[in-house]
Protein backbone atom coordinates (compact mmCIF):
# COMPACT_ATOMS: atom_id res chain seq x y z
CA UNK A 1 -19.87 30.09 -15.05
CA UNK A 2 -21.61 26.93 -16.22
CA UNK A 3 -18.69 26.09 -18.51
CA UNK A 4 -16.29 26.34 -15.58
CA UNK A 5 -18.49 24.06 -13.49
CA UNK A 6 -18.69 21.49 -16.29
CA UNK A 7 -14.91 21.56 -16.78
CA UNK A 8 -14.32 21.02 -13.06
CA UNK A 9 -16.79 18.11 -13.00
CA UNK A 10 -15.13 16.49 -16.03
CA UNK A 11 -11.68 16.94 -14.53
CA UNK A 12 -12.72 15.40 -11.20
CA UNK A 13 -14.44 12.51 -12.97
CA UNK A 14 -11.35 11.74 -15.04
CA UNK A 15 -9.16 11.69 -11.93
CA UNK A 16 -11.49 9.21 -10.20
CA UNK A 17 -11.72 6.97 -13.27
CA UNK A 18 -7.93 6.99 -13.79
CA UNK A 19 -7.28 5.32 -10.41
CA UNK A 20 -6.19 1.84 -11.48
CA UNK A 21 -7.16 -1.33 -9.68
CA UNK A 22 -4.41 -3.68 -8.54
CA UNK A 23 -5.79 -7.23 -8.35
CA UNK A 24 -4.41 -9.46 -5.61
CA UNK A 25 -3.94 -13.11 -4.81
CA UNK A 26 -5.57 -13.80 -1.42
CA UNK A 27 -2.63 -16.03 -0.41
CA UNK A 28 -0.26 -13.04 -0.66
CA UNK A 29 -2.12 -10.88 1.89
CA UNK A 30 -1.30 -10.60 5.59
CA UNK A 31 -3.22 -8.38 7.99
CA UNK A 32 -2.43 -6.34 11.08
CA UNK A 33 -4.82 -4.29 13.19
CA UNK A 34 -4.74 -1.32 10.79
CA UNK A 35 -3.20 -2.41 7.46
CA UNK A 36 -3.24 -5.09 4.80
CA UNK A 37 0.26 -6.15 3.70
CA UNK A 38 0.67 -7.36 0.12
CA UNK A 39 3.53 -9.79 -0.56
CA UNK A 40 5.56 -8.82 -3.65
CA UNK A 41 8.06 -11.69 -3.63
CA UNK A 42 11.19 -12.37 -1.63
CA UNK A 43 10.54 -10.57 1.64
CA UNK A 44 9.19 -7.35 0.11
CA UNK A 45 5.74 -6.05 1.11
CA UNK A 46 3.48 -3.12 0.20
CA UNK A 47 0.66 -1.92 2.45
CA UNK A 48 -2.84 -0.52 2.01
CA UNK A 49 -5.60 0.45 4.46
CA UNK A 50 -8.44 -1.02 2.37
CA UNK A 51 -9.28 -3.96 0.12
CA UNK A 52 -12.22 -4.24 -2.29
CA UNK A 53 -13.90 -7.06 -4.21
CA UNK A 54 -15.67 -7.15 -7.55
CA UNK A 55 -16.55 -9.84 -10.12
CA UNK A 56 -12.89 -10.24 -11.08
CA UNK A 57 -11.61 -10.70 -7.54
CA UNK A 58 -9.91 -8.92 -4.66
CA UNK A 59 -8.20 -5.59 -5.39
CA UNK A 60 -6.92 -2.32 -4.02
CA UNK A 61 -6.53 0.99 -5.79
CA UNK A 62 -2.96 2.00 -6.60
CA UNK A 63 -3.60 5.39 -5.02
CA UNK A 64 -4.26 3.65 -1.68
CA UNK A 65 -0.86 1.94 -1.52
CA UNK A 66 1.51 3.32 1.10
CA UNK A 67 3.99 5.80 -0.33
CA UNK A 68 7.35 7.13 0.79
CA UNK A 69 6.99 10.86 1.37
CA UNK A 70 9.65 13.45 2.01
CA UNK A 71 7.96 16.79 2.59
CA UNK A 72 5.98 17.41 -0.59
CA UNK A 73 7.82 14.83 -2.71
CA UNK A 74 6.52 11.30 -3.23
CA UNK A 75 9.30 8.83 -4.05
CA UNK A 76 7.33 5.66 -4.80
CA UNK A 77 5.68 2.82 -2.95
CA UNK A 78 6.77 2.24 0.62
CA UNK A 79 8.30 -1.25 0.64
CA UNK A 80 8.73 -3.11 3.90
CA UNK A 81 10.25 -6.39 5.07
CA UNK A 82 8.79 -8.72 7.69
CA UNK A 83 10.93 -9.86 10.61
CA UNK A 84 10.81 -13.68 10.71
CA UNK A 85 10.97 -13.68 14.52
CA UNK A 86 8.36 -11.11 15.62
CA UNK A 87 6.42 -10.83 12.30
CA UNK A 88 6.41 -7.02 12.40
CA UNK A 89 6.98 -4.98 9.25
CA UNK A 90 9.84 -2.47 8.91
CA UNK A 91 10.91 -0.17 6.06
CA UNK A 92 13.42 -1.71 3.65
CA UNK A 93 16.97 -1.10 4.86
CA UNK A 94 15.92 -0.54 8.48
CA UNK A 95 16.65 -3.25 11.03
CA UNK A 96 14.04 -4.73 13.39
CA UNK A 97 13.18 -2.11 16.04
CA UNK A 98 11.18 -4.40 18.36
CA UNK A 99 13.07 -4.45 21.72
CA UNK A 100 11.44 -7.78 22.69
CA UNK A 101 12.42 -9.56 19.49
CA UNK A 102 15.23 -12.16 19.56
CA UNK A 103 16.04 -11.26 15.94
CA UNK A 104 19.57 -11.33 14.62
CA UNK A 105 18.48 -8.56 12.20
CA UNK A 106 19.14 -5.68 14.65
């Protein structure tokens, strides 16, 4: 019984330790009321609900990045683009869905 408990504790500890930090440049972060958007270049963005800071700088955990999910499958990070007219974020490949936006990207 004790061996099982020790194995479970070691397994859980290794999962927590394995979560890698992704360090960020503060100039590449935009915020909304519930998410932090991380600029990846071009007009591609990733999102996360939390940011952290340590001695090396500002970071998020890779496990906290938004992911594309289809049922039980996870396909990768959810990438978005930002409409230059209304500044809202939309999934890559999807046009601006804001009805009040004068965007030509509809």
